[in-house]
Amino acid sequence: GLLTAALVEFGPSWGLYRLDVHGKPWNFWTVPAFFPIMFELTILFSAFAAFFAWQGMNRLPRWNHPMFNWDRFSRVTNDGFFLAIEARDPRFTEEGVHRLLEETGGQHITIVHED
């Protein structure tokens, strides 16, 4: 952001349209006139970088999830909810999770595989 603001402000003021700041010719001492824009663009670009880094680390946006192809998924928003347990843990076993959900009173236990 700081570099972009510096190029956008200093470039034209050096060659295209020379600025007369405080009645003095352009030199290093006219730089403080550009600080507000440089600061604002630094903050703006930092926010964009943080937002896109957050999305990348969370693997967002994910446009398709295997759950969306499940035939009972359309009823979730009408009259119920579901619990999805993803199998990323190396100690995960389908039989163990299925047994646990049956013991706790789970209904319509379905295993959805990613294609």
Protein backbone atom coordinates (compact mmCIF):
# COMPACT_ATOMS: atom_id res chain seq x y z
CA GLY A 1 0.00 0.00 0.00
CA LEU A 2 2.76 2.40 0.92
CA LEU A 3 4.66 1.72 -2.30
CA THR A 4 1.51 2.02 -4.42
CA ALA A 5 0.59 5.34 -2.82
CA ALA A 6 4.14 6.61 -3.24
CA LEU A 7 4.17 5.71 -6.93
CA VAL A 8 0.70 7.15 -7.56
CA GLU A 9 1.54 10.42 -5.80
CA PHE A 10 5.21 10.95 -6.54
CA GLY A 11 5.12 9.81 -10.17
CA PRO A 12 2.78 12.49 -11.48
CA SER A 13 4.24 15.17 -9.22
CA TRP A 14 7.74 14.57 -10.58
CA GLY A 15 7.01 14.62 -14.26
CA LEU A 16 3.41 14.90 -15.42
CA TYR A 17 2.10 17.65 -13.19
CA ARG A 18 4.56 19.34 -10.92
CA LEU A 19 3.01 20.32 -7.61
CA ASP A 20 3.80 23.57 -5.91
CA VAL A 21 3.55 22.63 -2.22
CA HIS A 22 3.75 25.55 0.21
CA GLY A 23 5.19 27.72 -2.53
CA LYS A 24 8.36 25.63 -2.70
CA PRO A 25 9.74 23.53 -5.54
CA TRP A 26 9.49 19.76 -5.26
CA ASN A 27 12.13 18.15 -3.11
CA PHE A 28 12.31 15.71 -0.24
CA TRP A 29 10.67 18.16 2.17
CA THR A 30 7.32 18.05 0.34
CA VAL A 31 6.87 14.37 1.18
CA PRO A 32 4.81 15.02 4.38
CA ALA A 33 1.99 16.32 2.20
CA PHE A 34 1.55 12.76 0.90
CA PHE A 35 1.56 10.93 4.25
CA PRO A 36 -2.24 10.74 4.78
CA ILE A 37 -2.84 8.93 1.48
CA MET A 38 0.18 6.69 2.02
CA PHE A 39 -1.11 5.74 5.47
CA GLU A 40 -4.65 5.07 4.25
CA LEU A 41 -3.55 2.86 1.36
CA THR A 42 -1.23 0.92 3.66
CA ILE A 43 -4.13 0.18 6.00
CA LEU A 44 -6.46 -0.67 3.10
CA PHE A 45 -4.02 -3.07 1.44
CA SER A 46 -3.23 -4.68 4.81
CA ALA A 47 -6.93 -5.33 5.36
CA PHE A 48 -7.25 -6.86 1.88
CA ALA A 49 -4.18 -9.04 2.49
CA ALA A 50 -5.55 -10.22 5.84
CA PHE A 51 -8.97 -10.99 4.34
CA PHE A 52 -7.60 -13.01 1.43
CA ALA A 53 -5.11 -14.81 3.69
CA TRP A 54 -7.98 -15.74 6.01
CA GLN A 55 -9.99 -17.09 3.09
CA GLY A 56 -7.03 -19.05 1.78
CA MET A 57 -6.21 -20.59 5.14
CA ASN A 58 -9.84 -21.62 5.66
CA ARG A 59 -10.07 -22.96 2.10
CA LEU A 60 -12.87 -20.56 1.31
CA PRO A 61 -14.90 -20.16 -0.74
CA ARG A 62 -15.74 -23.81 -1.21
CA TRP A 63 -18.35 -23.82 -3.92
CA ASN A 64 -19.24 -27.49 -3.61
CA HIS A 65 -19.31 -29.78 -0.60
CA PRO A 66 -20.17 -33.50 -0.75
CA MET A 67 -23.00 -32.82 1.71
CA PHE A 68 -24.81 -30.74 -0.93
CA ASN A 69 -25.31 -33.87 -3.07
CA TRP A 70 -26.97 -35.80 -0.23
CA ASP A 71 -30.69 -36.32 -0.90
CA ARG A 72 -31.76 -35.34 2.64
CA PHE A 73 -29.72 -32.12 2.64
CA SER A 74 -32.60 -30.09 1.17
CA ARG A 75 -34.69 -30.72 4.32
CA VAL A 76 -32.05 -29.26 6.62
CA THR A 77 -33.22 -25.68 6.23
CA ASN A 78 -36.91 -26.56 6.55
CA ASP A 79 -37.43 -28.73 9.60
CA GLY A 80 -34.23 -30.14 10.95
CA PHE A 81 -30.50 -30.10 11.26
CA PHE A 82 -27.65 -32.48 10.68
CA LEU A 83 -24.28 -33.25 12.17
CA ALA A 84 -21.40 -33.75 9.77
CA ILE A 85 -18.24 -35.43 11.03
CA GLU A 86 -15.36 -35.15 8.61
CA ALA A 87 -12.75 -37.89 8.51
CA ARG A 88 -9.52 -35.87 8.52
CA ASP A 89 -8.34 -37.29 11.86
CA PRO A 90 -6.02 -40.29 11.33
CA ARG A 91 -7.71 -42.08 14.28
CA PHE A 92 -11.16 -41.76 12.68
CA THR A 93 -13.06 -44.98 11.98
CA GLU A 94 -16.46 -45.16 10.30
CA GLU A 95 -17.60 -48.01 12.53
CA GLY A 96 -16.66 -46.21 15.75
CA VAL A 97 -18.45 -42.99 14.82
CA HIS A 98 -21.50 -44.89 13.54
CA ARG A 99 -21.70 -46.85 16.82
CA LEU A 100 -21.30 -43.67 18.89
CA LEU A 101 -24.08 -41.89 17.03
CA GLU A 102 -26.41 -44.89 17.36
CA GLU A 103 -25.74 -45.08 21.12
CA THR A 104 -26.61 -41.40 21.56
CA GLY A 105 -29.91 -41.75 19.72
CA GLY A 106 -28.97 -40.59 16.24
CA GLN A 107 -31.52 -41.08 13.47
CA HIS A 108 -30.87 -41.48 9.74
CA ILE A 109 -27.14 -42.04 10.12
CA THR A 110 -25.67 -41.89 6.63
CA ILE A 111 -22.10 -42.00 5.42
CA VAL A 112 -21.45 -39.52 2.63
CA HIS A 113 -18.26 -40.11 0.65
CA GLU A 114 -16.45 -37.41 -1.25
CA ASP A 115 -16.37 -38.17 -4.97
